[in-house]
Structures are given as C-alpha cells and as structure tokens.
Amino acid sequence: MNTSPVYQFARLTLLPMIIFWLALPVYAESPIWAPAPLENLIDEGLTNNQSLKSLQYQVNALEEQVPAAGALPDPRLGIGMLNLPTDTFDLDQEPMTQKQIFIAQKIPWAGKRALRSEEVKWSVRQKEAMLDARRLDLSKEIAAAWYDLGFIAKSRQINDRMIELLDRIYNAAENRYVSGKGLQQNIFQAQVELSKLYNERISLKSRYRTLEDRINALLNRKRFQPVVYSDTLPAPGMKFSLTNLESTALLHNPELKIRKHEISQSETRIHLAKKDFWPDVDIMAAYGQRDENRAGQDRADFFSTTVSVSLPVWQDRKQDRQLSAATAMRHSAEQSFENLAESITHQLDGLATEIGSLQDNYFLYRQTLLPQAESWSRSAMDAYEVGEVEFDTMINARMRLLMFELQAEKYLFDTYKKRAELEALIGKKLP
C-alpha cells in the first residue's frame, strides 16, 4: 500500500472532490440567452421536465424502428404432405407421395427497404424538432416568469422607498402643523398616500408569491422553494436586421423544421408509392422426402423451388390511389410550411418593432425624463421649504420621480421578455 504524503493527500482530498463533481446533475444548456440566475433555473427546468423526458423516449423509440422498417420480412418455414392417397393414407403406396419441408423468403423490390427506413428517419427528425420546440417554449415561459418576478422585486423596493419617503414627509407635515407653519390637510393627504402604498405592498407580496409558485411549477419541483431575484440586467442595446432574423428562423425555428421534415417525408412516400408499382419477389425452396416402395426399393427425394411475384391487377384502385394520396400530402406539407414561414415573418417584424420601441422608451426615461424629474423634485422640495409651492406640488414631484424610475424598470424587463420570445421564435440565441 502506498503511504507517501502525496498519495495520501490525493486520496483524502482530490478523490472526494472528483466523486462530488461526478455526482452533480448534468443540466441541459439553455437554448435562449439568460443571465446566470435565470440560466440556472432554465437548466433545472429542462432537466426535470417530464414532458421533455417523454418526448426524448419517443425519439429513442423511433430511432430503434429505423433499422426495423428497412429489414427483410421474416422468412417462412413450413412442412407439408404431398400427394397422399386418401383411400389408404399409406406413405409408400404412391411414388409421388412425399413429406416436404420448405423455406420461403419475400424480397421487396430494389429500393423499397431503404425508402421505408428513410420514412421513419424523417419521423425521428420531426420528433426531435418537437423536442427542441418544447425546450424553447419551456425556456421562454421560465424566462417570462423570472422577468416578471424581477419587476415585482424592483417594484417592492421602490414601494419601500416611497413608504419611507412619505413617512418622512408625514412626520415633517406633523411637525410643521404643530409649530403652526403647516396645514392639517397635508397630514391627512400624507396618511392617504401612505395607506395606498401599504395596500400596494400587500398586493406586490401576493403577486411575488404567485410568480414563485409559477416558477416552481415550471421547474417541476416536488415542494415549494423560494425564488430570490438577485440580478441586475444590463441596459439593453439590441440591434438586429429583420432579414437576418428571417434567415435565421428559416434555418433554426423548430416548427419550420417539422414542416420541412414533413415535406421530405412526403417526398419519400411518393418514391415509395412509385416503387409499389413494381412487384415484390417471393422465393421458396422445398425438400420432399419419399419412402421406399413396398418392394423395399429406395425412391429418390425431390428438391423444388419457385419464384412468384404479385400482379398489379388492381393498380387503378391501389397503387394509383396511393401515389395520388402521397402527392396530395406533399402539397399539403408545402402549403403548411409556406403559411408558417409567412406568419413567422410577421411575428418577427412585430417583435423587432416592440423591442426597438421598448429600448427607446427605456433610454428616454433613463437619460431624459428621470434627470428632469429629479431636478423637479429637488426644486419642489426647496420651494416648499420656503413656502413658494403647495404641499401637493412637492409630494407629487417626489412621487413622480420614483414612478418614472419604476416605469423605466418596466421597459427594461419587458425588453428582455420580448428578447426571450424572439429567440424562442428564431430557435437560436441572439448574439
């Protein structure tokens, strides 16, 4: 046994670490952009979602069917009795009586087996695209709930600041009234505003818990776990070309992939329908054993073989109809693809416009309206102190500043929600 210090250190320190890392769950990569806390939630959701696991099993099952679809039919093994006389049922009475064993194999026309495997392969591709679509939808749903949670968290912070501000204003109004410099109605107004904010605090707490429940459900957690919003989103600076978005969606959108695979599958079925005009070949080989005659003389055994083909005598009712049906299905798949592609183009245009407007509004508030509101708030407070403006003006200016800050946060979170929606639509992360 190795007792060196290096070995003992590796055994006691490194080995447990390796075991720990190997025991960690393997999460799927988030298919949309997300900050680290959100990405962890998306990874957990993708790992635990039962619907995704079910779809993956369906993909695995279809993959197993690919070689089976192109395999030869099982050969047939049989035994028989030929030319047995019915008056005596003796095996040695007639020279043509034989005990026969045969084997037969049906061989599809050249190319049919490969086409049948190919048809199932396109079903596999469709199911894989369905799996990708579900992963994107789930990621988008988790992201939307998390961004809503973030906005509620910011709203609660601003609500607390508003309550703190109004509490100070209320105390100042009381002191001014006691000293004879203020009005009693200012105290009442501050009390009303405070009551409204306390009511909003209760509502925000309830909405936050509702979103936590929503996220826990999306993550398929066994029991409730608190979700703490702990991130600061960067200022949005998304710039993209609608043409590039359309080309990306054509390549990566999973719903479009499903339609493409349907078109390819229908073309395979057309080729297979054309192959059905050609007959399959059935080959049989048989060995017939004969007994000795009644004089004790040996009789030669027989070997037989046959080759048979099916005759397409009902071509107008069978093969022609199958080809027409396969062709109609291809036209249907092509129309479905075109309709979806046009719909996605309009959706991309709408989302790109919304994101652009949200970003413009965010920067308008951050760079223009908030500085102006802050200047107004300071000026109103100074003017109120010297009695140049009314209490209403001062308190409205202070509240307006915080409301503008809240609205800016709303635009920020909505921008990222739309980004997640856009990425789910194109099927790929935006740079």
Protein backbone atom coordinates (compact mmCIF):
# COMPACT_ATOMS: atom_id res chain seq x y z
CA MET A 1 0.00 0.00 0.00
CA ASN A 2 1.32 3.43 -0.98
CA THR A 3 1.86 5.57 2.13
CA SER A 4 3.58 8.57 0.55
CA PRO A 5 2.28 12.04 1.61
CA VAL A 6 1.35 12.93 -1.99
CA TYR A 7 -0.71 9.75 -2.38
CA GLN A 8 -2.45 10.26 0.96
CA PHE A 9 -3.27 13.87 0.04
CA ALA A 10 -4.74 12.81 -3.30
CA ARG A 11 -6.76 10.01 -1.71
CA LEU A 12 -8.16 12.16 1.09
CA THR A 13 -8.66 15.44 -0.80
CA LEU A 14 -8.84 15.02 -4.57
CA LEU A 15 -10.81 11.76 -4.70
CA PRO A 16 -13.81 13.10 -2.71
CA MET A 17 -13.82 16.21 -4.91
CA ILE A 18 -13.89 14.12 -8.08
CA ILE A 19 -16.73 11.98 -6.70
CA PHE A 20 -18.62 15.15 -5.74
CA TRP A 21 -18.35 16.65 -9.22
CA LEU A 22 -19.34 13.39 -10.89
CA ALA A 23 -22.41 13.22 -8.65
CA LEU A 24 -23.63 16.65 -9.70
CA PRO A 25 -26.67 16.62 -12.04
CA VAL A 26 -25.99 17.27 -15.71
CA TYR A 27 -28.13 20.14 -16.90
CA ALA A 28 -29.14 20.90 -20.45
CA GLU A 29 -27.80 24.09 -21.93
CA SER A 30 -30.28 26.96 -22.04
CA PRO A 31 -31.43 27.44 -25.65
CA ILE A 32 -32.02 31.20 -25.08
CA TRP A 33 -29.83 33.92 -23.64
CA ALA A 34 -30.20 34.37 -19.89
CA PRO A 35 -28.28 35.93 -17.01
CA ALA A 36 -26.66 33.42 -14.67
CA PRO A 37 -29.52 33.10 -12.10
CA LEU A 38 -32.10 32.63 -14.84
CA GLU A 39 -29.87 30.22 -16.74
CA ASN A 40 -29.63 28.02 -13.65
CA LEU A 41 -33.42 27.95 -13.38
CA ILE A 42 -33.82 27.12 -17.09
CA ASP A 43 -31.26 24.32 -16.79
CA GLU A 44 -33.16 22.90 -13.84
CA GLY A 45 -36.46 23.13 -15.69
CA LEU A 46 -35.09 21.43 -18.80
CA THR A 47 -33.57 18.66 -16.68
CA ASN A 48 -36.67 17.91 -14.59
CA ASN A 49 -39.49 18.43 -17.09
CA GLN A 50 -41.43 15.19 -17.56
CA SER A 51 -42.83 16.21 -20.94
CA LEU A 52 -39.30 16.64 -22.32
CA LYS A 53 -38.30 13.25 -20.93
CA SER A 54 -41.34 11.67 -22.56
CA LEU A 55 -40.50 13.23 -25.93
CA GLN A 56 -36.91 12.03 -25.63
CA TYR A 57 -38.11 8.48 -25.05
CA GLN A 58 -40.31 8.80 -28.14
CA VAL A 59 -37.27 9.90 -30.15
CA ASN A 60 -35.32 6.90 -28.84
CA ALA A 61 -38.20 4.57 -29.70
CA LEU A 62 -38.43 5.88 -33.27
CA GLU A 63 -34.68 5.55 -33.74
CA GLU A 64 -34.99 1.86 -32.85
CA GLN A 65 -37.66 1.50 -35.54
CA VAL A 66 -35.40 2.82 -38.34
CA PRO A 67 -33.46 -0.42 -38.97
CA ALA A 68 -36.60 -2.47 -38.34
CA ALA A 69 -38.51 -0.60 -41.06
CA GLY A 70 -35.86 -1.47 -43.66
CA ALA A 71 -35.32 -5.07 -42.60
CA LEU A 72 -36.32 -8.03 -44.73
CA PRO A 73 -39.57 -9.76 -43.80
CA ASP A 74 -39.05 -12.82 -41.65
CA PRO A 75 -38.52 -15.99 -43.72
CA ARG A 76 -41.26 -18.61 -43.54
CA LEU A 77 -40.56 -22.22 -42.59
CA GLY A 78 -43.16 -24.90 -43.20
CA ILE A 79 -43.84 -28.61 -43.51
CA GLY A 80 -46.34 -30.40 -45.69
CA MET A 81 -47.58 -33.68 -47.06
CA LEU A 82 -47.90 -34.02 -50.85
CA ASN A 83 -49.90 -36.49 -52.93
CA LEU A 84 -51.09 -38.64 -50.05
CA PRO A 85 -53.68 -41.22 -51.27
CA THR A 86 -56.97 -40.82 -49.47
CA ASP A 87 -58.06 -44.45 -49.83
CA THR A 88 -55.31 -45.88 -47.63
CA PHE A 89 -53.25 -42.87 -46.42
CA ASP A 90 -50.16 -45.06 -46.87
CA LEU A 91 -46.89 -43.17 -47.40
CA ASP A 92 -45.37 -45.92 -49.58
CA GLN A 93 -48.32 -46.67 -51.84
CA GLU A 94 -47.83 -43.91 -54.44
CA PRO A 95 -44.42 -42.90 -55.82
CA MET A 96 -45.29 -39.17 -55.73
CA THR A 97 -46.19 -39.14 -52.04
CA GLN A 98 -43.66 -37.06 -50.12
CA LYS A 99 -43.10 -35.40 -46.77
CA GLN A 100 -41.98 -31.91 -47.54
CA ILE A 101 -40.18 -29.14 -45.66
CA PHE A 102 -39.82 -25.74 -47.25
CA ILE A 103 -38.44 -22.27 -46.57
CA ALA A 104 -39.69 -19.12 -48.27
CA GLN A 105 -38.46 -15.54 -48.31
CA LYS A 106 -40.23 -12.43 -49.60
CA ILE A 107 -37.82 -9.88 -51.09
CA PRO A 108 -39.15 -6.33 -51.64
CA TRP A 109 -38.35 -4.65 -54.92
CA ALA A 110 -34.99 -2.91 -55.04
CA GLY A 111 -35.01 0.38 -53.07
CA LYS A 112 -38.17 -0.23 -51.05
CA ARG A 113 -36.37 -1.18 -47.85
CA ALA A 114 -34.15 1.91 -47.91
CA LEU A 115 -37.17 4.14 -48.53
CA ARG A 116 -39.08 2.60 -45.63
CA SER A 117 -36.14 3.27 -43.30
CA GLU A 118 -35.87 6.79 -44.67
CA GLU A 119 -39.56 7.41 -43.99
CA VAL A 120 -39.09 6.53 -40.32
CA LYS A 121 -35.92 8.66 -40.16
CA TRP A 122 -37.99 11.71 -41.10
CA SER A 123 -40.38 10.84 -38.27
CA VAL A 124 -37.37 10.84 -35.94
CA ARG A 125 -36.33 14.27 -37.22
CA GLN A 126 -39.86 15.61 -36.69
CA LYS A 127 -39.96 14.30 -33.12
CA GLU A 128 -36.52 15.82 -32.43
CA ALA A 129 -37.77 19.17 -33.72
CA MET A 130 -40.83 18.84 -31.47
CA LEU A 131 -38.45 18.27 -28.56
CA ASP A 132 -36.50 21.42 -29.49
CA ALA A 133 -39.73 23.41 -29.76
CA ARG A 134 -40.84 22.27 -26.31
CA ARG A 135 -37.42 23.15 -24.83
CA LEU A 136 -37.67 26.64 -26.31
CA ASP A 137 -41.25 27.12 -25.10
CA LEU A 138 -40.37 25.99 -21.59
CA SER A 139 -37.30 28.24 -21.51
CA LYS A 140 -39.39 31.17 -22.69
CA GLU A 141 -42.05 30.51 -20.05
CA ILE A 142 -39.46 30.30 -17.26
CA ALA A 143 -37.77 33.47 -18.52
CA ALA A 144 -41.06 35.38 -18.71
CA ALA A 145 -41.98 34.37 -15.15
CA TRP A 146 -38.49 35.26 -13.88
CA TYR A 147 -38.51 38.69 -15.55
CA ASP A 148 -41.97 39.35 -14.11
CA LEU A 149 -40.62 38.28 -10.72
CA GLY A 150 -37.71 40.68 -11.17
CA PHE A 151 -40.01 43.57 -11.96
CA ILE A 152 -42.15 42.81 -8.91
CA ALA A 153 -38.97 42.67 -6.81
CA LYS A 154 -37.95 46.11 -8.12
CA SER A 155 -41.50 47.37 -7.54
CA ARG A 156 -41.32 46.24 -3.92
CA GLN A 157 -38.02 48.04 -3.47
CA ILE A 158 -39.45 51.26 -4.91
CA ASN A 159 -42.61 50.79 -2.88
CA ASP A 160 -40.47 50.58 0.29
CA ARG A 161 -38.64 53.76 -0.73
CA MET A 162 -41.93 55.52 -1.37
CA ILE A 163 -43.23 54.48 2.05
CA GLU A 164 -40.00 55.65 3.68
CA LEU A 165 -40.22 58.96 1.81
CA LEU A 166 -43.86 59.54 2.65
CA ASP A 167 -43.26 58.60 6.25
CA ARG A 168 -40.63 61.33 6.46
CA ILE A 169 -42.95 63.77 4.72
CA TYR A 170 -45.78 62.81 7.09
CA ASN A 171 -43.60 63.43 10.14
CA ALA A 172 -42.43 66.74 8.69
CA ALA A 173 -46.05 67.77 7.99
CA GLU A 174 -46.99 66.94 11.58
CA ASN A 175 -44.14 68.99 12.96
CA ARG A 176 -44.99 71.93 10.73
CA TYR A 177 -48.64 71.74 11.80
CA VAL A 178 -47.73 71.61 15.48
CA SER A 179 -45.47 74.62 15.04
CA GLY A 180 -48.22 76.46 13.22
CA LYS A 181 -46.40 76.55 9.86
CA GLY A 182 -48.39 73.80 8.11
CA LEU A 183 -51.93 72.69 7.36
CA GLN A 184 -53.75 69.74 8.86
CA GLN A 185 -54.94 68.67 5.40
CA ASN A 186 -51.31 67.99 4.48
CA ILE A 187 -51.18 65.41 7.27
CA PHE A 188 -54.38 63.78 6.02
CA GLN A 189 -53.10 63.70 2.44
CA ALA A 190 -49.84 62.06 3.52
CA GLN A 191 -51.80 59.49 5.53
CA VAL A 192 -53.97 58.64 2.50
CA GLU A 193 -50.94 58.24 0.25
CA LEU A 194 -49.26 56.05 2.85
CA SER A 195 -52.34 53.83 3.12
CA LYS A 196 -52.39 53.38 -0.64
CA LEU A 197 -48.73 52.37 -0.62
CA TYR A 198 -49.26 49.88 2.21
CA ASN A 199 -52.13 48.37 0.22
CA GLU A 200 -49.87 48.12 -2.82
CA ARG A 201 -47.20 46.44 -0.68
CA ILE A 202 -49.65 43.68 0.23
CA SER A 203 -50.63 43.26 -3.43
CA LEU A 204 -46.99 43.11 -4.56
CA LYS A 205 -46.19 40.48 -1.94
CA SER A 206 -49.07 38.34 -3.16
CA ARG A 207 -48.05 38.70 -6.81
CA TYR A 208 -44.46 37.81 -5.94
CA ARG A 209 -45.59 34.59 -4.23
CA THR A 210 -47.82 33.74 -7.22
CA LEU A 211 -44.83 34.07 -9.55
CA GLU A 212 -42.71 31.93 -7.22
CA ASP A 213 -45.39 29.23 -7.42
CA ARG A 214 -45.43 29.56 -11.20
CA ILE A 215 -41.66 29.12 -11.43
CA ASN A 216 -41.71 26.15 -9.04
CA ALA A 217 -44.35 24.50 -11.22
CA LEU A 218 -42.35 25.13 -14.40
CA LEU A 219 -39.27 23.63 -12.74
CA ASN A 220 -41.30 20.58 -11.67
CA ARG A 221 -40.15 20.90 -8.08
CA LYS A 222 -41.61 18.45 -5.58
CA ARG A 223 -42.27 21.15 -3.00
CA PHE A 224 -42.25 24.92 -2.83
CA GLN A 225 -38.84 26.62 -2.76
CA PRO A 226 -38.42 30.40 -2.51
CA VAL A 227 -37.14 32.12 -5.65
CA VAL A 228 -35.00 35.14 -4.86
CA TYR A 229 -34.42 37.66 -7.62
CA SER A 230 -30.76 38.63 -7.37
CA ASP A 231 -29.51 40.17 -10.55
CA THR A 232 -29.17 43.50 -12.31
CA LEU A 233 -29.94 43.46 -16.00
CA PRO A 234 -27.62 45.43 -18.25
CA ALA A 235 -29.00 48.33 -20.25
CA PRO A 236 -30.45 46.89 -23.46
CA GLY A 237 -28.56 47.51 -26.67
CA MET A 238 -30.08 45.02 -29.10
CA LYS A 239 -29.59 45.72 -32.78
CA PHE A 240 -30.60 43.25 -35.43
CA SER A 241 -31.66 43.08 -39.03
CA LEU A 242 -35.09 41.73 -39.89
CA THR A 243 -33.59 39.99 -42.92
CA ASN A 244 -31.04 38.22 -40.73
CA LEU A 245 -33.75 37.23 -38.26
CA GLU A 246 -35.85 35.75 -41.07
CA SER A 247 -32.94 33.76 -42.49
CA THR A 248 -32.03 32.51 -39.00
CA ALA A 249 -35.62 31.46 -38.33
CA LEU A 250 -35.78 29.57 -41.63
CA LEU A 251 -32.76 27.55 -40.53
CA HIS A 252 -33.42 27.09 -36.81
CA ASN A 253 -37.10 27.53 -35.98
CA PRO A 254 -38.18 24.05 -34.81
CA GLU A 255 -41.77 24.41 -36.07
CA LEU A 256 -40.43 25.18 -39.55
CA LYS A 257 -38.08 22.21 -39.22
CA ILE A 258 -41.08 20.00 -38.53
CA ARG A 259 -42.76 21.26 -41.72
CA LYS A 260 -39.57 20.74 -43.73
CA HIS A 261 -39.26 17.19 -42.46
CA GLU A 262 -42.92 16.59 -43.33
CA ILE A 263 -42.19 17.71 -46.90
CA SER A 264 -39.16 15.40 -47.08
CA GLN A 265 -41.16 12.53 -45.63
CA SER A 266 -43.96 13.06 -48.13
CA GLU A 267 -41.42 13.01 -50.98
CA THR A 268 -40.07 9.72 -49.63
CA ARG A 269 -43.61 8.35 -49.58
CA ILE A 270 -44.06 9.41 -53.22
CA HIS A 271 -40.92 7.47 -54.17
CA LEU A 272 -42.16 4.51 -52.15
CA ALA A 273 -45.59 4.69 -53.84
CA LYS A 274 -43.88 4.62 -57.23
CA LYS A 275 -41.84 1.60 -56.14
CA ASP A 276 -45.10 -0.18 -55.24
CA PHE A 277 -45.90 -0.39 -58.96
CA TRP A 278 -43.11 -2.97 -59.10
CA PRO A 279 -43.84 -6.36 -57.54
CA ASP A 280 -42.11 -7.95 -54.59
CA VAL A 281 -40.45 -11.30 -55.26
CA ASP A 282 -41.29 -14.42 -53.26
CA ILE A 283 -38.73 -17.23 -53.38
CA MET A 284 -39.39 -20.70 -51.99
CA ALA A 285 -37.19 -23.79 -51.78
CA ALA A 286 -38.58 -27.18 -50.71
CA TYR A 287 -37.22 -30.64 -49.98
CA GLY A 288 -39.56 -33.63 -50.44
CA GLN A 289 -38.68 -36.95 -48.83
CA ARG A 290 -40.19 -40.20 -50.24
CA ASP A 291 -40.45 -43.57 -48.51
CA GLU A 292 -39.32 -46.89 -50.02
CA ASN A 293 -41.82 -48.71 -52.17
CA ARG A 294 -43.49 -51.84 -50.95
CA ALA A 295 -40.78 -53.91 -52.56
CA GLY A 296 -38.17 -52.20 -50.41
CA GLN A 297 -36.63 -50.16 -53.20
CA ASP A 298 -35.44 -46.62 -52.47
CA ARG A 299 -37.14 -43.69 -54.14
CA ALA A 300 -35.25 -40.51 -54.96
CA ASP A 301 -36.16 -37.47 -52.89
CA PHE A 302 -37.30 -34.26 -54.59
CA PHE A 303 -35.99 -30.70 -54.44
CA SER A 304 -38.34 -27.93 -55.60
CA THR A 305 -38.05 -24.17 -55.94
CA THR A 306 -40.46 -21.47 -57.03
CA VAL A 307 -40.30 -17.76 -57.68
CA SER A 308 -43.53 -15.77 -57.61
CA VAL A 309 -44.47 -12.12 -58.00
CA SER A 310 -47.62 -10.18 -57.28
CA LEU A 311 -49.63 -8.91 -60.23
CA PRO A 312 -50.84 -5.27 -60.02
CA VAL A 313 -54.25 -6.06 -61.47
CA TRP A 314 -55.92 -3.53 -59.10
CA GLN A 315 -53.47 -0.75 -59.93
CA ASP A 316 -56.20 1.84 -60.51
CA ARG A 317 -57.68 1.17 -57.07
CA LYS A 318 -54.48 0.63 -55.09
CA GLN A 319 -51.13 1.85 -56.46
CA ASP A 320 -52.58 4.82 -58.38
CA ARG A 321 -54.57 5.96 -55.33
CA GLN A 322 -51.56 5.58 -53.03
CA LEU A 323 -49.45 7.73 -55.34
CA SER A 324 -52.18 10.38 -55.57
CA ALA A 325 -52.54 10.43 -51.79
CA ALA A 326 -48.77 10.81 -51.27
CA THR A 327 -48.64 13.64 -53.80
CA ALA A 328 -51.54 15.43 -52.11
CA MET A 329 -49.81 15.10 -48.74
CA ARG A 330 -46.67 16.70 -50.16
CA HIS A 331 -48.70 19.67 -51.47
CA SER A 332 -50.34 19.97 -48.05
CA ALA A 333 -46.96 19.95 -46.28
CA GLU A 334 -45.58 22.58 -48.67
CA GLN A 335 -48.56 24.87 -48.09
CA SER A 336 -48.26 24.41 -44.33
CA PHE A 337 -44.59 25.37 -44.49
CA GLU A 338 -45.27 28.48 -46.59
CA ASN A 339 -48.09 29.63 -44.31
CA LEU A 340 -45.99 29.19 -41.18
CA ALA A 341 -42.99 30.93 -42.75
CA GLU A 342 -45.13 33.95 -43.65
CA SER A 343 -46.64 34.01 -40.16
CA ILE A 344 -43.20 33.90 -38.54
CA THR A 345 -42.04 36.76 -40.75
CA HIS A 346 -44.87 38.94 -39.48
CA GLN A 347 -44.23 37.88 -35.88
CA LEU A 348 -40.54 38.73 -36.22
CA ASP A 349 -41.37 42.14 -37.60
CA GLY A 350 -43.76 42.79 -34.72
CA LEU A 351 -41.29 41.64 -32.06
CA ALA A 352 -38.42 43.62 -33.57
CA THR A 353 -40.61 46.74 -33.60
CA GLU A 354 -41.70 46.17 -29.99
CA ILE A 355 -38.14 45.64 -28.79
CA GLY A 356 -36.99 48.78 -30.58
CA SER A 357 -39.81 50.83 -29.02
CA LEU A 358 -39.18 49.43 -25.55
CA GLN A 359 -35.48 50.24 -25.78
CA ASP A 360 -36.22 53.78 -26.97
CA ASN A 361 -38.65 54.30 -24.12
CA TYR A 362 -36.17 52.92 -21.59
CA PHE A 363 -33.43 55.29 -22.68
CA LEU A 364 -35.89 58.20 -22.87
CA TYR A 365 -36.78 57.64 -19.23
CA ARG A 366 -33.23 56.97 -18.05
CA GLN A 367 -31.49 59.72 -19.97
CA THR A 368 -34.15 62.44 -20.14
CA LEU A 369 -37.26 62.04 -18.01
CA LEU A 370 -35.58 60.76 -14.84
CA PRO A 371 -32.99 63.58 -14.69
CA GLN A 372 -35.77 66.09 -15.34
CA ALA A 373 -37.98 64.54 -12.66
CA GLU A 374 -35.09 64.55 -10.21
CA SER A 375 -34.44 68.25 -10.85
CA TRP A 376 -38.14 68.99 -10.47
CA SER A 377 -38.28 67.01 -7.22
CA ARG A 378 -35.34 68.88 -5.70
CA SER A 379 -36.70 72.23 -6.85
CA ALA A 380 -40.17 71.49 -5.49
CA MET A 381 -38.76 70.44 -2.13
CA ASP A 382 -36.67 73.61 -1.88
CA ALA A 383 -39.62 75.78 -2.89
CA TYR A 384 -41.89 74.02 -0.38
CA GLU A 385 -39.42 74.66 2.42
CA VAL A 386 -39.67 78.42 1.83
CA GLY A 387 -43.42 78.32 1.22
CA GLU A 388 -43.33 79.04 -2.53
CA VAL A 389 -45.24 75.88 -3.62
CA GLU A 390 -48.10 73.89 -2.14
CA PHE A 391 -47.76 70.56 -0.38
CA ASP A 392 -49.47 68.82 -3.32
CA THR A 393 -46.86 70.03 -5.77
CA MET A 394 -43.97 68.93 -3.60
CA ILE A 395 -45.32 65.47 -2.86
CA ASN A 396 -46.33 64.87 -6.49
CA ALA A 397 -42.85 65.80 -7.66
CA ARG A 398 -41.23 63.39 -5.21
CA MET A 399 -43.62 60.57 -6.10
CA ARG A 400 -43.32 61.22 -9.83
CA LEU A 401 -39.57 60.68 -9.63
CA LEU A 402 -40.00 57.20 -8.17
CA MET A 403 -42.82 56.36 -10.58
CA PHE A 404 -40.58 57.29 -13.51
CA GLU A 405 -37.90 55.01 -12.13
CA LEU A 406 -40.44 52.20 -11.85
CA GLN A 407 -41.63 52.76 -15.41
CA ALA A 408 -38.04 52.63 -16.66
CA GLU A 409 -37.63 49.25 -14.91
CA LYS A 410 -40.86 48.09 -16.56
CA TYR A 411 -39.48 48.92 -20.01
CA LEU A 412 -36.21 47.14 -19.16
CA PHE A 413 -37.83 43.88 -18.06
CA ASP A 414 -40.32 43.94 -20.95
CA THR A 415 -37.42 44.33 -23.37
CA TYR A 416 -35.77 41.17 -22.08
CA LYS A 417 -39.08 39.30 -22.06
CA LYS A 418 -39.52 40.15 -25.73
CA ARG A 419 -35.94 39.11 -26.39
CA ALA A 420 -36.68 35.66 -24.92
CA GLU A 421 -39.81 35.47 -27.07
CA LEU A 422 -37.82 36.47 -30.15
CA GLU A 423 -35.12 33.86 -29.51
CA ALA A 424 -37.74 31.18 -28.98
CA LEU A 425 -39.22 32.16 -32.34
CA ILE A 426 -35.99 32.08 -34.33
CA GLY A 427 -34.83 28.98 -32.45
CA LYS A 428 -31.42 30.33 -31.51
CA LYS A 429 -29.70 32.67 -29.06
CA LEU A 430 -29.15 36.21 -30.24
CA PRO A 431 -25.55 37.44 -30.02
